[in-house]
N, C-alpha and C. Protein backbone atom coordinates (compact mmCIF):
# COMPACT_ATOMS: atom_id res chain seq x y z
N MET A 1 -3.48 -9.79 -14.15
CA MET A 1 -2.87 -9.93 -13.14
C MET A 1 -3.91 -10.62 -12.05
N GLU A 2 -3.19 -11.31 -11.13
CA GLU A 2 -4.13 -11.72 -9.70
C GLU A 2 -3.38 -12.08 -8.46
N HIS A 3 -4.26 -12.15 -7.96
CA HIS A 3 -3.65 -12.43 -5.75
C HIS A 3 -4.46 -12.61 -5.30
N THR A 4 -3.65 -13.92 -4.61
CA THR A 4 -4.87 -14.68 -3.58
C THR A 4 -4.27 -13.94 -2.05
N VAL A 5 -5.41 -13.70 -0.96
CA VAL A 5 -5.06 -13.55 -0.07
C VAL A 5 -6.16 -14.53 1.18
N LEU A 6 -6.00 -15.03 2.13
CA LEU A 6 -6.33 -15.74 3.12
C LEU A 6 -6.95 -14.63 4.52
N PHE A 7 -7.97 -15.09 5.00
CA PHE A 7 -8.35 -13.93 6.15
C PHE A 7 -10.04 -14.91 6.50
N ARG A 8 -9.93 -14.23 7.89
CA ARG A 8 -10.93 -15.07 8.80
C ARG A 8 -12.71 -14.53 8.90
N VAL A 9 -13.23 -14.60 9.14
CA VAL A 9 -14.80 -14.31 8.79
C VAL A 9 -14.41 -13.55 10.58
N ARG A 10 -14.35 -12.63 10.85
CA ARG A 10 -14.59 -11.63 11.82
C ARG A 10 -16.35 -12.22 12.86
N TYR A 11 -16.06 -11.90 13.91
CA TYR A 11 -17.63 -12.30 15.07
C TYR A 11 -17.91 -10.55 14.55
N SER A 12 -17.92 -9.67 14.37
CA SER A 12 -18.47 -8.54 13.68
C SER A 12 -19.10 -8.83 12.12
N GLU A 13 -18.76 -9.83 11.51
CA GLU A 13 -19.40 -9.60 9.73
C GLU A 13 -20.02 -11.03 10.00
N THR A 14 -20.80 -11.41 10.92
CA THR A 14 -22.07 -12.03 10.45
C THR A 14 -22.82 -11.84 11.75
N ASP A 15 -24.22 -12.35 11.16
CA ASP A 15 -25.75 -11.77 11.57
C ASP A 15 -26.12 -12.89 12.60
N GLN A 16 -27.56 -13.08 12.48
CA GLN A 16 -28.30 -13.26 13.65
C GLN A 16 -28.55 -14.91 13.43
N MET A 17 -28.05 -15.60 11.78
CA MET A 17 -27.67 -16.75 11.54
C MET A 17 -26.70 -17.53 11.25
N GLY A 18 -26.11 -16.49 12.15
CA GLY A 18 -24.39 -16.97 11.93
C GLY A 18 -23.95 -17.71 11.27
N THR A 19 -24.34 -16.40 9.84
CA THR A 19 -23.16 -16.23 8.73
C THR A 19 -22.62 -14.87 8.66
N PHE A 20 -21.78 -15.07 7.06
CA PHE A 20 -21.77 -13.84 6.84
C PHE A 20 -22.78 -12.66 6.46
N TYR A 21 -22.80 -11.27 7.02
CA TYR A 21 -23.98 -10.64 6.76
C TYR A 21 -23.23 -10.20 5.34
N ASN A 22 -24.16 -10.25 4.22
CA ASN A 22 -24.37 -9.54 2.63
C ASN A 22 -23.64 -8.70 2.49
N SER A 23 -23.90 -7.40 3.06
CA SER A 23 -23.37 -6.69 2.39
C SER A 23 -21.12 -6.52 2.79
N ARG A 24 -21.04 -7.38 3.35
CA ARG A 24 -19.03 -7.80 4.32
C ARG A 24 -18.73 -8.31 2.42
N ALA A 25 -19.82 -8.91 2.12
CA ALA A 25 -18.75 -9.48 0.75
C ALA A 25 -18.48 -8.05 -0.34
N LEU A 26 -18.83 -7.16 -0.12
CA LEU A 26 -18.29 -5.97 -1.07
C LEU A 26 -17.17 -5.38 0.02
N GLU A 27 -17.39 -5.57 1.12
CA GLU A 27 -16.07 -4.95 1.76
C GLU A 27 -15.03 -5.41 1.80
N TRP A 28 -14.75 -7.16 1.60
CA TRP A 28 -13.80 -8.32 1.06
C TRP A 28 -13.57 -7.64 -0.09
N PHE A 29 -14.78 -8.00 -0.94
CA PHE A 29 -13.97 -7.16 -2.30
C PHE A 29 -12.65 -6.18 -2.50
N GLU A 30 -13.11 -5.22 -1.46
CA GLU A 30 -12.38 -4.08 -1.70
C GLU A 30 -11.02 -4.25 -1.26
N CYS A 31 -11.25 -5.51 0.24
CA CYS A 31 -9.67 -5.90 0.16
C CYS A 31 -8.55 -6.46 -0.61
N GLY A 32 -9.55 -7.40 -1.69
CA GLY A 32 -8.88 -8.28 -2.49
C GLY A 32 -8.20 -7.55 -3.23
N ARG A 33 -9.04 -6.10 -3.49
CA ARG A 33 -8.77 -5.04 -4.62
C ARG A 33 -7.60 -3.94 -3.90
N THR A 34 -7.25 -4.05 -2.91
CA THR A 34 -6.20 -3.35 -2.09
C THR A 34 -5.55 -4.43 -2.49
N GLU A 35 -5.10 -5.64 -2.18
CA GLU A 35 -4.25 -6.18 -1.90
C GLU A 35 -3.28 -6.92 -2.99
N LEU A 36 -4.16 -6.52 -4.03
CA LEU A 36 -4.08 -6.92 -5.71
C LEU A 36 -3.08 -6.30 -5.99
N LEU A 37 -3.45 -4.55 -6.11
CA LEU A 37 -2.71 -3.49 -6.64
C LEU A 37 -1.42 -3.39 -5.82
N ARG A 38 -1.46 -3.53 -4.45
CA ARG A 38 -0.51 -3.70 -3.58
C ARG A 38 0.82 -5.20 -4.11
N SER A 39 0.81 -6.14 -4.30
CA SER A 39 0.79 -7.55 -4.75
C SER A 39 1.48 -7.03 -6.13
N ALA A 40 1.18 -5.93 -6.79
CA ALA A 40 1.97 -5.41 -8.17
C ALA A 40 2.23 -3.94 -8.37
N GLY A 41 2.93 -3.61 -6.73
CA GLY A 41 3.49 -2.85 -6.24
C GLY A 41 3.01 -1.46 -6.95
N LEU A 42 1.72 -1.47 -6.89
CA LEU A 42 1.01 -0.16 -7.10
C LEU A 42 0.10 0.31 -6.18
N PRO A 43 0.39 0.25 -4.53
CA PRO A 43 -0.53 0.43 -3.77
C PRO A 43 -1.69 1.56 -4.09
N TYR A 44 -2.91 2.12 -3.86
CA TYR A 44 -3.54 2.85 -4.05
C TYR A 44 -3.45 4.47 -3.50
N ALA A 45 -2.48 4.39 -2.63
CA ALA A 45 -1.77 6.10 -2.05
C ALA A 45 -1.17 5.92 -3.29
N GLU A 46 -0.59 5.87 -3.80
CA GLU A 46 0.79 5.53 -4.62
C GLU A 46 0.00 5.89 -6.36
N MET A 47 -0.80 4.76 -5.92
CA MET A 47 -1.83 5.44 -7.68
C MET A 47 -3.05 6.36 -7.40
N GLU A 48 -2.93 7.33 -6.41
CA GLU A 48 -3.68 8.35 -6.44
C GLU A 48 -2.63 9.31 -6.03
N ARG A 49 -1.64 9.34 -5.93
CA ARG A 49 -0.42 10.63 -5.62
C ARG A 49 -0.41 10.30 -7.25
N ARG A 50 -0.31 9.68 -8.19
CA ARG A 50 0.26 9.78 -9.52
C ARG A 50 -0.85 10.20 -10.52
N GLY A 51 -2.20 10.82 -9.59
CA GLY A 51 -3.30 11.58 -10.22
C GLY A 51 -4.08 10.53 -10.67
N ALA A 52 -4.26 9.57 -11.09
CA ALA A 52 -5.41 8.40 -11.08
C ALA A 52 -6.14 7.53 -9.57
N PHE A 53 -7.60 7.56 -9.82
CA PHE A 53 -7.89 6.78 -8.83
C PHE A 53 -9.02 6.40 -9.87
N LEU A 54 -9.54 5.26 -8.98
CA LEU A 54 -10.50 4.11 -8.88
C LEU A 54 -12.45 4.16 -8.70
N PRO A 55 -12.86 4.89 -9.38
CA PRO A 55 -13.83 4.98 -8.07
C PRO A 55 -15.32 3.76 -8.65
N VAL A 56 -15.89 3.24 -7.53
CA VAL A 56 -16.81 2.48 -8.71
C VAL A 56 -17.82 1.96 -8.96
N VAL A 57 -18.40 1.55 -10.42
CA VAL A 57 -19.08 2.45 -10.78
C VAL A 57 -20.50 1.27 -11.10
N GLU A 58 -19.79 -0.20 -10.80
CA GLU A 58 -20.91 -1.13 -11.02
C GLU A 58 -20.25 -2.25 -10.22
N SER A 59 -21.33 -3.10 -9.39
CA SER A 59 -20.71 -4.17 -8.61
C SER A 59 -21.75 -5.45 -8.39
N HIS A 60 -21.04 -6.81 -8.94
CA HIS A 60 -22.78 -7.61 -8.55
C HIS A 60 -21.77 -8.76 -7.52
N VAL A 61 -22.75 -8.78 -7.01
CA VAL A 61 -21.76 -10.39 -6.25
C VAL A 61 -23.03 -11.34 -6.09
N GLU A 62 -22.71 -12.63 -6.26
CA GLU A 62 -22.82 -13.60 -6.03
C GLU A 62 -23.36 -14.45 -4.90
N TYR A 63 -23.83 -14.83 -4.06
CA TYR A 63 -23.31 -15.53 -2.95
C TYR A 63 -23.91 -17.18 -2.28
N ARG A 64 -22.74 -18.11 -2.79
CA ARG A 64 -22.73 -19.40 -3.16
C ARG A 64 -22.82 -20.26 -1.77
N GLY A 65 -22.40 -19.57 -1.04
CA GLY A 65 -22.36 -20.83 0.33
C GLY A 65 -21.99 -19.49 1.82
N ARG A 66 -21.88 -20.56 2.19
CA ARG A 66 -21.66 -19.85 4.14
C ARG A 66 -20.66 -19.69 4.22
N ALA A 67 -20.44 -18.63 5.68
CA ALA A 67 -19.06 -18.46 5.63
C ALA A 67 -19.47 -18.01 7.00
N ARG A 68 -18.44 -18.88 8.06
CA ARG A 68 -19.28 -18.55 9.69
C ARG A 68 -18.30 -17.84 10.21
N TYR A 69 -18.00 -17.60 12.04
CA TYR A 69 -17.63 -16.89 12.15
C TYR A 69 -15.85 -17.61 12.58
N ASP A 70 -15.08 -17.04 12.18
CA ASP A 70 -13.44 -17.92 12.52
C ASP A 70 -13.35 -18.80 11.93
N ASP A 71 -14.29 -19.08 10.60
CA ASP A 71 -13.60 -19.40 8.98
C ASP A 71 -12.71 -18.82 8.51
N LEU A 72 -11.90 -19.43 8.11
CA LEU A 72 -10.69 -19.05 6.92
C LEU A 72 -10.98 -19.51 5.56
N LEU A 73 -10.59 -18.21 5.00
CA LEU A 73 -11.38 -18.23 3.53
C LEU A 73 -10.14 -17.74 2.49
N LYS A 74 -10.49 -17.93 1.46
CA LYS A 74 -9.46 -17.67 0.75
C LYS A 74 -10.15 -16.93 -0.38
N MET A 75 -9.51 -15.47 -1.07
CA MET A 75 -9.86 -14.80 -1.49
C MET A 75 -9.09 -14.88 -2.71
N THR A 76 -9.55 -15.31 -4.11
CA THR A 76 -8.65 -14.70 -5.24
C THR A 76 -8.88 -13.75 -6.01
N SER A 77 -8.61 -12.46 -6.41
CA SER A 77 -9.29 -11.35 -7.73
C SER A 77 -7.99 -11.22 -8.39
N LYS A 78 -8.91 -10.82 -9.50
CA LYS A 78 -7.64 -10.83 -11.09
C LYS A 78 -8.51 -9.07 -11.33
N GLY A 79 -7.49 -8.56 -12.10
CA GLY A 79 -7.79 -7.39 -12.77
C GLY A 79 -7.71 -7.15 -13.90
N SER A 80 -8.34 -6.22 -14.80
CA SER A 80 -8.03 -6.56 -16.36
C SER A 80 -9.04 -5.26 -16.46
N LEU A 81 -8.00 -4.39 -18.34
CA LEU A 81 -9.34 -3.26 -18.52
C LEU A 81 -9.84 -3.80 -18.89
N VAL A 82 -11.43 -2.53 -19.36
CA VAL A 82 -12.22 -3.20 -19.88
C VAL A 82 -12.43 -2.12 -20.73
N GLY A 83 -12.66 -2.05 -21.81
CA GLY A 83 -12.52 -0.52 -23.11
C GLY A 83 -11.51 0.39 -23.19
N ARG A 84 -12.27 1.75 -22.71
CA ARG A 84 -11.00 2.56 -22.51
C ARG A 84 -10.91 3.08 -21.35
N VAL A 85 -11.90 3.17 -20.82
CA VAL A 85 -11.44 3.99 -19.37
C VAL A 85 -12.13 3.36 -17.94
N ARG A 86 -11.81 2.00 -18.33
CA ARG A 86 -12.65 1.11 -16.77
C ARG A 86 -11.82 0.07 -16.36
N VAL A 87 -11.60 -0.46 -15.59
CA VAL A 87 -11.40 -1.42 -14.49
C VAL A 87 -11.95 -2.56 -14.10
N ARG A 88 -11.55 -3.63 -14.76
CA ARG A 88 -12.91 -4.54 -13.41
C ARG A 88 -12.27 -5.62 -12.95
N VAL A 89 -12.09 -5.96 -11.77
CA VAL A 89 -11.68 -7.01 -10.77
C VAL A 89 -12.69 -7.91 -10.64
N ASP A 90 -12.44 -9.22 -10.60
CA ASP A 90 -13.22 -10.47 -10.52
C ASP A 90 -12.76 -10.60 -9.35
N VAL A 91 -13.83 -11.38 -8.26
CA VAL A 91 -13.40 -11.95 -7.23
C VAL A 91 -14.05 -13.04 -6.49
N ASP A 92 -13.68 -14.39 -6.72
CA ASP A 92 -13.61 -15.65 -6.04
C ASP A 92 -13.08 -15.62 -4.63
N ILE A 93 -13.93 -16.21 -4.02
CA ILE A 93 -13.71 -16.38 -2.38
C ILE A 93 -14.40 -17.85 -1.83
N VAL A 94 -13.92 -18.78 -1.59
CA VAL A 94 -13.91 -20.20 -0.95
C VAL A 94 -13.23 -20.70 0.34
N GLN A 95 -14.00 -21.30 0.88
CA GLN A 95 -13.79 -21.87 2.04
C GLN A 95 -11.90 -22.72 2.17
N SER A 96 -10.75 -22.48 3.15
CA SER A 96 -9.63 -22.45 2.62
C SER A 96 -9.53 -23.46 2.43
N GLU A 97 -9.97 -24.89 3.60
CA GLU A 97 -10.53 -25.65 3.57
C GLU A 97 -11.18 -26.52 2.41
N GLY A 98 -10.87 -27.57 1.77
CA GLY A 98 -11.79 -28.06 0.40
C GLY A 98 -12.14 -26.90 0.00
N GLY A 99 -12.34 -26.32 0.13
CA GLY A 99 -12.79 -24.98 -1.06
C GLY A 99 -14.27 -24.61 -1.98
N ALA A 100 -15.39 -24.53 -0.48
CA ALA A 100 -16.66 -24.77 -1.20
C ALA A 100 -16.38 -23.16 -1.20
N PRO A 101 -17.76 -23.05 -2.46
CA PRO A 101 -17.73 -21.58 -2.54
C PRO A 101 -18.47 -21.08 -1.25
N VAL A 102 -18.31 -19.19 -1.02
CA VAL A 102 -18.99 -18.44 -0.54
C VAL A 102 -19.60 -17.34 -1.44
N ALA A 103 -18.51 -16.62 -1.95
CA ALA A 103 -19.34 -15.58 -2.73
C ALA A 103 -18.24 -15.34 -4.26
N ARG A 104 -18.81 -15.00 -4.74
CA ARG A 104 -18.18 -14.59 -6.33
C ARG A 104 -18.68 -13.38 -6.67
N GLY A 105 -17.92 -12.49 -7.53
CA GLY A 105 -18.50 -11.14 -8.44
C GLY A 105 -17.63 -10.37 -8.70
N TYR A 106 -17.98 -9.15 -8.99
CA TYR A 106 -16.88 -8.48 -9.61
C TYR A 106 -16.98 -6.84 -9.67
N THR A 107 -16.28 -5.93 -9.40
CA THR A 107 -16.85 -4.61 -9.56
C THR A 107 -16.06 -3.96 -10.45
N ILE A 108 -16.45 -2.89 -11.30
CA ILE A 108 -15.92 -2.73 -12.32
C ILE A 108 -15.49 -0.72 -11.66
N HIS A 109 -14.43 -0.32 -12.22
CA HIS A 109 -14.01 0.75 -12.03
C HIS A 109 -13.90 2.02 -12.84
N ALA A 110 -14.24 3.14 -13.02
CA ALA A 110 -13.71 4.29 -14.28
C ALA A 110 -12.77 4.66 -13.28
N VAL A 111 -11.63 4.94 -14.80
CA VAL A 111 -10.43 5.48 -13.89
C VAL A 111 -10.72 7.00 -14.43
N THR A 112 -10.20 7.74 -13.29
CA THR A 112 -10.12 8.88 -13.27
C THR A 112 -8.85 9.99 -12.38
N ASP A 113 -9.07 11.24 -12.94
CA ASP A 113 -7.95 12.15 -12.68
C ASP A 113 -8.81 12.65 -11.20
N SER A 114 -8.36 13.17 -10.36
CA SER A 114 -8.62 13.65 -8.75
C SER A 114 -10.00 14.66 -8.87
N SER A 115 -10.50 15.56 -10.23
CA SER A 115 -11.81 15.70 -10.08
C SER A 115 -12.75 14.68 -10.72
N GLY A 116 -12.00 13.52 -11.02
CA GLY A 116 -13.87 12.72 -11.07
C GLY A 116 -14.05 12.36 -12.64
N LYS A 117 -13.18 13.31 -13.69
CA LYS A 117 -13.21 13.09 -14.92
C LYS A 117 -12.39 12.14 -15.48
N PRO A 118 -13.46 11.51 -16.01
CA PRO A 118 -12.72 9.75 -16.64
C PRO A 118 -11.36 10.26 -17.51
N ILE A 119 -10.61 9.50 -17.45
CA ILE A 119 -9.36 9.56 -18.41
C ILE A 119 -8.79 8.21 -18.90
N ARG A 120 -7.75 8.13 -19.80
CA ARG A 120 -7.56 6.82 -20.08
C ARG A 120 -6.65 6.30 -19.17
N PRO A 121 -6.36 5.26 -18.72
CA PRO A 121 -5.57 4.38 -17.99
C PRO A 121 -4.02 5.10 -18.46
N PRO A 122 -3.10 5.54 -17.54
CA PRO A 122 -1.93 6.15 -18.24
C PRO A 122 -1.54 4.59 -17.93
N PRO A 123 0.50 4.85 -18.65
CA PRO A 123 0.70 3.80 -19.48
C PRO A 123 1.58 2.63 -17.75
N TRP A 124 1.57 3.22 -16.88
CA TRP A 124 1.81 2.40 -15.72
C TRP A 124 0.83 1.79 -15.20
N MET A 125 0.08 1.76 -15.49
CA MET A 125 -1.65 0.94 -15.59
C MET A 125 -1.56 0.08 -16.42
N THR A 126 -1.62 0.26 -17.35
CA THR A 126 -2.07 -0.46 -18.64
C THR A 126 -0.82 -1.43 -18.90
N SER A 127 0.05 -1.57 -18.42
CA SER A 127 1.51 -2.52 -18.14
C SER A 127 0.98 -3.39 -16.88
N LEU A 128 0.56 -3.10 -16.05
CA LEU A 128 0.02 -4.01 -15.01
C LEU A 128 -1.11 -4.82 -15.56
N PHE A 129 -2.28 -4.21 -16.11
CA PHE A 129 -3.79 -5.04 -16.81
C PHE A 129 -3.57 -5.31 -17.65
N PRO A 130 -4.11 -7.01 -18.04
CA PRO A 130 -4.69 -6.96 -19.29
C PRO A 130 -5.65 -6.51 -19.71
N ASN A 131 -5.64 -6.49 -21.40
CA ASN A 131 -7.10 -5.91 -21.73
C ASN A 131 -8.23 -6.94 -22.15
N ASN A 132 -8.94 -6.73 -21.54
CA ASN A 132 -10.22 -7.86 -22.05
C ASN A 132 -11.12 -7.80 -22.78
N SER A 133 -11.02 -6.56 -23.89
CA SER A 133 -12.40 -5.99 -24.30
C SER A 133 -11.36 -5.51 -25.90
N PRO A 134 -12.09 -5.11 -26.85
CA PRO A 134 -11.80 -4.70 -28.16
C PRO A 134 -11.58 -3.08 -27.84
N ARG A 135 -10.96 -2.19 -28.77
CA ARG A 135 -10.99 -0.89 -27.93
C ARG A 135 -11.73 -0.63 -29.06
C-alpha cells in the first residue's frame, strides 16, 4: 500500500533559519498516514468505529535537506504489517521540483482496541497491508 500527496510548507512551519522546524516532519508523517489510509478506503474514523486503533509506539526521522516557506513538497507513504500486532508506515519527503531530499523516516504503531490493549489486526486491515516480517 502506497500513497503520494503534494503539500506546501506553511509560514507557521518555518523557524528563524528559514527552513521547516524539525518537529513538523512528524506532523507531516501523520498527514501522510491519514491520507494513505483514506486512499485505501479506510479513513481513521472508520477504522476506529470498527474497533481498531493505531497509537504510535516508535518513530524515526532523518533530516536530509531544507524546505522553505511555500516550497511544494511530495510525500510518499507506504504501509506494511510488522510482526503480529504492529503496522509500520515509511515516509519519504522530497522537493516536488527536482526531487531534492527533505526528510524520511517511519512510524510504528501498535494495533489496539479502544482500551489500548494490543490486538491482532482484523482481516479487513490485513487485506490492506503487506506483511514484511515472519509471523
